[in-house]
N, C-alpha and C. Protein backbone atom coordinates (compact mmCIF):
# COMPACT_ATOMS: atom_id res chain seq x y z
N UNK A 1 59.61 106.51 79.52
CA UNK A 1 59.60 107.81 78.95
C UNK A 1 59.48 107.65 77.43
N UNK A 2 58.57 108.38 76.77
CA UNK A 2 58.40 108.28 75.28
C UNK A 2 59.50 108.89 74.57
N UNK A 3 59.89 108.27 73.47
CA UNK A 3 60.97 108.92 72.62
C UNK A 3 62.40 108.40 72.91
N UNK A 4 62.62 107.83 74.14
CA UNK A 4 63.86 107.29 74.37
C UNK A 4 64.15 105.92 73.76
N UNK A 5 65.15 105.80 72.98
CA UNK A 5 65.37 104.50 72.40
C UNK A 5 66.58 103.86 73.13
N UNK A 6 66.36 102.64 73.65
CA UNK A 6 67.38 102.06 74.65
C UNK A 6 68.21 101.08 73.63
N UNK A 7 69.55 101.21 73.91
CA UNK A 7 70.36 100.33 73.05
C UNK A 7 70.65 99.05 73.89
N UNK A 8 70.42 97.87 73.21
CA UNK A 8 70.64 96.58 73.66
C UNK A 8 71.96 95.97 73.14
N UNK A 9 72.85 95.61 73.99
CA UNK A 9 74.20 95.09 73.40
C UNK A 9 73.92 93.63 73.06
N UNK A 10 74.16 93.23 71.78
CA UNK A 10 74.10 91.87 71.23
C UNK A 10 75.46 91.26 71.32
N UNK A 11 76.58 92.11 70.89
CA UNK A 11 78.07 91.65 71.04
C UNK A 11 78.73 92.91 71.58
N UNK A 12 79.45 92.79 72.72
CA UNK A 12 80.26 93.82 73.31
C UNK A 12 81.37 94.02 72.32
N UNK A 13 82.07 95.06 72.70
CA UNK A 13 83.26 95.56 71.89
C UNK A 13 84.15 94.50 71.81
N UNK A 14 84.68 94.16 70.58
CA UNK A 14 85.56 93.17 70.20
C UNK A 14 86.66 93.60 69.29
N UNK A 15 87.91 93.33 69.75
CA UNK A 15 88.90 93.75 68.81
C UNK A 15 89.30 92.78 67.83
N UNK A 16 89.64 93.33 66.55
CA UNK A 16 89.92 92.39 65.51
C UNK A 16 91.06 93.08 64.57
N UNK A 17 91.86 92.13 64.16
CA UNK A 17 92.95 92.48 63.10
C UNK A 17 92.34 91.96 61.80
N UNK A 18 91.83 92.83 60.93
CA UNK A 18 91.10 92.40 59.77
C UNK A 18 92.10 92.44 58.60
N UNK A 19 92.08 91.26 57.87
CA UNK A 19 92.85 91.08 56.63
C UNK A 19 92.11 91.96 55.51
N UNK A 20 92.75 92.87 54.83
CA UNK A 20 92.01 93.58 53.80
C UNK A 20 92.41 92.97 52.49
N UNK A 21 93.50 93.22 51.98
CA UNK A 21 94.04 92.61 50.75
C UNK A 21 95.55 92.77 50.64
N UNK A 22 96.18 91.91 49.96
CA UNK A 22 97.61 91.99 49.68
C UNK A 22 98.40 92.17 51.01
N UNK A 23 98.08 91.36 52.01
CA UNK A 23 98.68 91.36 53.17
C UNK A 23 98.61 92.68 54.12
N UNK A 24 97.51 93.46 53.75
CA UNK A 24 97.23 94.73 54.38
C UNK A 24 96.38 94.32 55.49
N UNK A 25 96.43 94.86 56.70
CA UNK A 25 95.67 94.64 57.86
C UNK A 25 95.08 95.91 58.51
N UNK A 26 94.05 95.79 59.14
CA UNK A 26 93.53 97.08 59.88
C UNK A 26 92.95 96.56 61.17
N UNK A 27 93.52 97.23 62.19
CA UNK A 27 93.10 96.82 63.53
C UNK A 27 92.01 97.74 63.95
N UNK A 28 90.87 97.11 64.24
CA UNK A 28 89.61 97.88 64.65
C UNK A 28 88.99 97.02 65.79
N UNK A 29 87.91 97.78 66.38
CA UNK A 29 87.07 97.21 67.25
C UNK A 29 85.69 97.34 66.81
N UNK A 30 84.82 96.45 67.18
CA UNK A 30 83.45 96.51 66.70
C UNK A 30 82.47 95.98 67.81
N UNK A 31 81.18 96.42 67.61
CA UNK A 31 80.26 96.06 68.54
C UNK A 31 78.97 95.74 67.74
N UNK A 32 78.01 94.86 68.21
CA UNK A 32 76.71 94.84 67.57
C UNK A 32 75.57 95.27 68.72
N UNK A 33 74.72 96.13 68.29
CA UNK A 33 73.72 96.45 69.17
C UNK A 33 72.43 96.61 68.46
N UNK A 34 71.35 96.70 69.23
CA UNK A 34 70.04 96.85 68.80
C UNK A 34 69.37 98.15 69.38
N UNK A 35 68.72 99.00 68.53
CA UNK A 35 68.14 100.08 68.95
C UNK A 35 66.68 99.95 68.51
N UNK A 36 65.75 99.69 69.39
CA UNK A 36 64.25 99.32 69.11
C UNK A 36 64.46 97.93 68.31
N UNK A 37 63.91 97.92 66.98
CA UNK A 37 63.97 96.74 66.23
C UNK A 37 65.13 96.65 65.25
N UNK A 38 65.94 97.53 65.32
CA UNK A 38 67.00 97.61 64.23
C UNK A 38 68.43 97.21 64.91
N UNK A 39 68.97 96.37 64.13
CA UNK A 39 70.47 95.95 64.51
C UNK A 39 71.52 96.87 63.82
N UNK A 40 72.63 97.06 64.49
CA UNK A 40 73.74 97.90 63.94
C UNK A 40 74.98 97.21 64.23
N UNK A 41 75.90 97.42 63.33
CA UNK A 41 77.28 96.95 63.55
C UNK A 41 78.07 98.26 63.52
N UNK A 42 78.74 98.64 64.65
CA UNK A 42 79.53 99.88 64.87
C UNK A 42 81.00 99.50 64.92
N UNK A 43 81.79 100.13 63.99
CA UNK A 43 83.32 99.95 63.89
C UNK A 43 84.03 101.18 64.15
N UNK A 44 84.80 101.03 65.02
CA UNK A 44 85.79 102.16 65.55
C UNK A 44 87.22 101.65 65.38
N UNK A 45 88.13 102.64 65.06
CA UNK A 45 89.55 102.44 65.16
C UNK A 45 89.95 102.19 66.52
N UNK A 46 91.19 101.74 66.71
CA UNK A 46 91.68 101.42 68.14
C UNK A 46 91.75 102.61 68.98
N UNK A 47 91.93 103.88 68.40
CA UNK A 47 91.92 105.06 69.06
C UNK A 47 90.53 105.50 69.42
N UNK A 48 89.53 104.76 69.16
CA UNK A 48 88.14 105.01 69.48
C UNK A 48 87.45 106.03 68.49
N UNK A 49 88.15 106.45 67.52
CA UNK A 49 87.58 107.25 66.42
C UNK A 49 86.62 106.31 65.50
N UNK A 50 85.43 106.90 65.20
CA UNK A 50 84.44 106.20 64.36
C UNK A 50 84.95 105.90 62.94
N UNK A 51 84.72 104.73 62.54
CA UNK A 51 85.11 104.28 61.21
C UNK A 51 83.76 104.11 60.33
N UNK A 52 82.82 103.35 60.87
CA UNK A 52 81.49 103.16 60.11
C UNK A 52 80.48 102.62 61.03
N UNK A 53 79.25 102.94 60.82
CA UNK A 53 78.24 102.14 61.58
C UNK A 53 77.19 101.57 60.50
N UNK A 54 77.00 100.30 60.40
CA UNK A 54 76.07 99.67 59.39
C UNK A 54 74.82 99.17 60.04
N UNK A 55 73.76 99.46 59.37
CA UNK A 55 72.35 98.88 59.83
C UNK A 55 72.42 97.49 59.19
N UNK A 56 72.17 96.58 60.20
CA UNK A 56 72.06 95.12 59.72
C UNK A 56 70.71 94.75 59.36
N UNK A 57 70.33 94.21 57.98
CA UNK A 57 69.07 93.93 57.77
C UNK A 57 68.33 93.05 58.65
N UNK A 58 67.04 93.39 58.82
CA UNK A 58 66.15 92.46 59.65
C UNK A 58 66.24 91.04 59.39
N UNK A 59 66.32 90.35 60.50
CA UNK A 59 66.40 88.84 60.43
C UNK A 59 67.88 88.31 60.13
N UNK A 60 68.87 89.12 60.28
CA UNK A 60 70.19 88.94 59.92
C UNK A 60 71.10 88.77 61.17
N UNK A 61 70.56 88.47 62.27
CA UNK A 61 71.39 88.26 63.57
C UNK A 61 72.23 87.03 63.44
N UNK A 62 73.50 87.45 63.49
CA UNK A 62 74.47 86.40 63.04
C UNK A 62 75.34 85.93 64.30
N UNK A 63 76.24 84.95 64.19
CA UNK A 63 77.20 84.62 65.17
C UNK A 63 78.48 85.39 65.07
N UNK A 64 79.33 85.29 65.93
CA UNK A 64 80.56 86.18 65.88
C UNK A 64 81.44 86.05 64.61
N UNK A 65 81.62 84.92 64.09
CA UNK A 65 82.45 84.59 62.99
C UNK A 65 81.84 85.31 61.72
N UNK A 66 80.47 85.19 61.75
CA UNK A 66 79.79 85.90 60.52
C UNK A 66 79.89 87.43 60.67
N UNK A 67 79.89 87.98 61.90
CA UNK A 67 80.11 89.45 62.04
C UNK A 67 81.51 89.77 61.58
N UNK A 68 82.52 88.94 61.88
CA UNK A 68 83.81 89.21 61.41
C UNK A 68 84.00 89.25 59.79
N UNK A 69 83.30 88.31 59.13
CA UNK A 69 83.26 88.36 57.62
C UNK A 69 82.52 89.67 57.11
N UNK A 70 81.50 89.94 57.75
CA UNK A 70 80.69 91.30 57.37
C UNK A 70 81.68 92.49 57.74
N UNK A 71 82.49 92.39 58.75
CA UNK A 71 83.23 93.59 59.12
C UNK A 71 84.30 93.80 58.05
N UNK A 72 84.92 92.59 57.44
CA UNK A 72 85.88 92.78 56.52
C UNK A 72 85.34 93.34 55.22
N UNK A 73 84.12 92.97 54.88
CA UNK A 73 83.63 93.53 53.54
C UNK A 73 83.16 94.95 53.90
N UNK A 74 82.82 95.36 54.96
CA UNK A 74 82.42 96.81 55.16
C UNK A 74 83.70 97.57 55.20
N UNK A 75 84.69 97.13 55.88
CA UNK A 75 86.02 97.84 55.81
C UNK A 75 86.57 97.97 54.46
N UNK A 76 86.48 96.89 53.52
CA UNK A 76 86.95 97.05 52.26
C UNK A 76 86.22 98.10 51.44
N UNK A 77 84.98 98.25 51.61
CA UNK A 77 84.07 99.11 51.04
C UNK A 77 84.38 100.56 51.44
N UNK A 78 84.52 100.70 52.74
CA UNK A 78 84.80 102.05 53.36
C UNK A 78 86.12 102.65 52.77
N UNK A 79 87.16 101.77 52.87
CA UNK A 79 88.42 102.12 52.37
C UNK A 79 88.55 102.44 50.91
N UNK A 80 87.71 101.77 50.14
CA UNK A 80 87.74 101.98 48.76
C UNK A 80 86.99 103.27 48.35
N UNK A 81 86.10 103.75 49.23
CA UNK A 81 85.23 104.91 49.01
C UNK A 81 86.09 106.26 49.06
C-alpha cells in the first residue's frame, strides 16, 4: 500500500540508568528503529512519556554501547534546553 511507512526495529526497548552529571541519574528506556531509510533513537521516561526522538545520521548504525553514549549526550542536551 503506497504511503505506508513500515517501522523496522533495530534495537528493542532497552532500560538504562543514565549518568548525567554530578552523580545525577535519569532512568529511561530507548529503542532504535528505521522508517524507510532513516534511523531514529526514541527515548521515553520509565512511565512511557516521551522524552525525545533523534534522527540518527545516515551511515551511523551503531552497537548498543555506542547508542548508550549517544543517549547520554541527547539527555544532557534535552535537560539543558
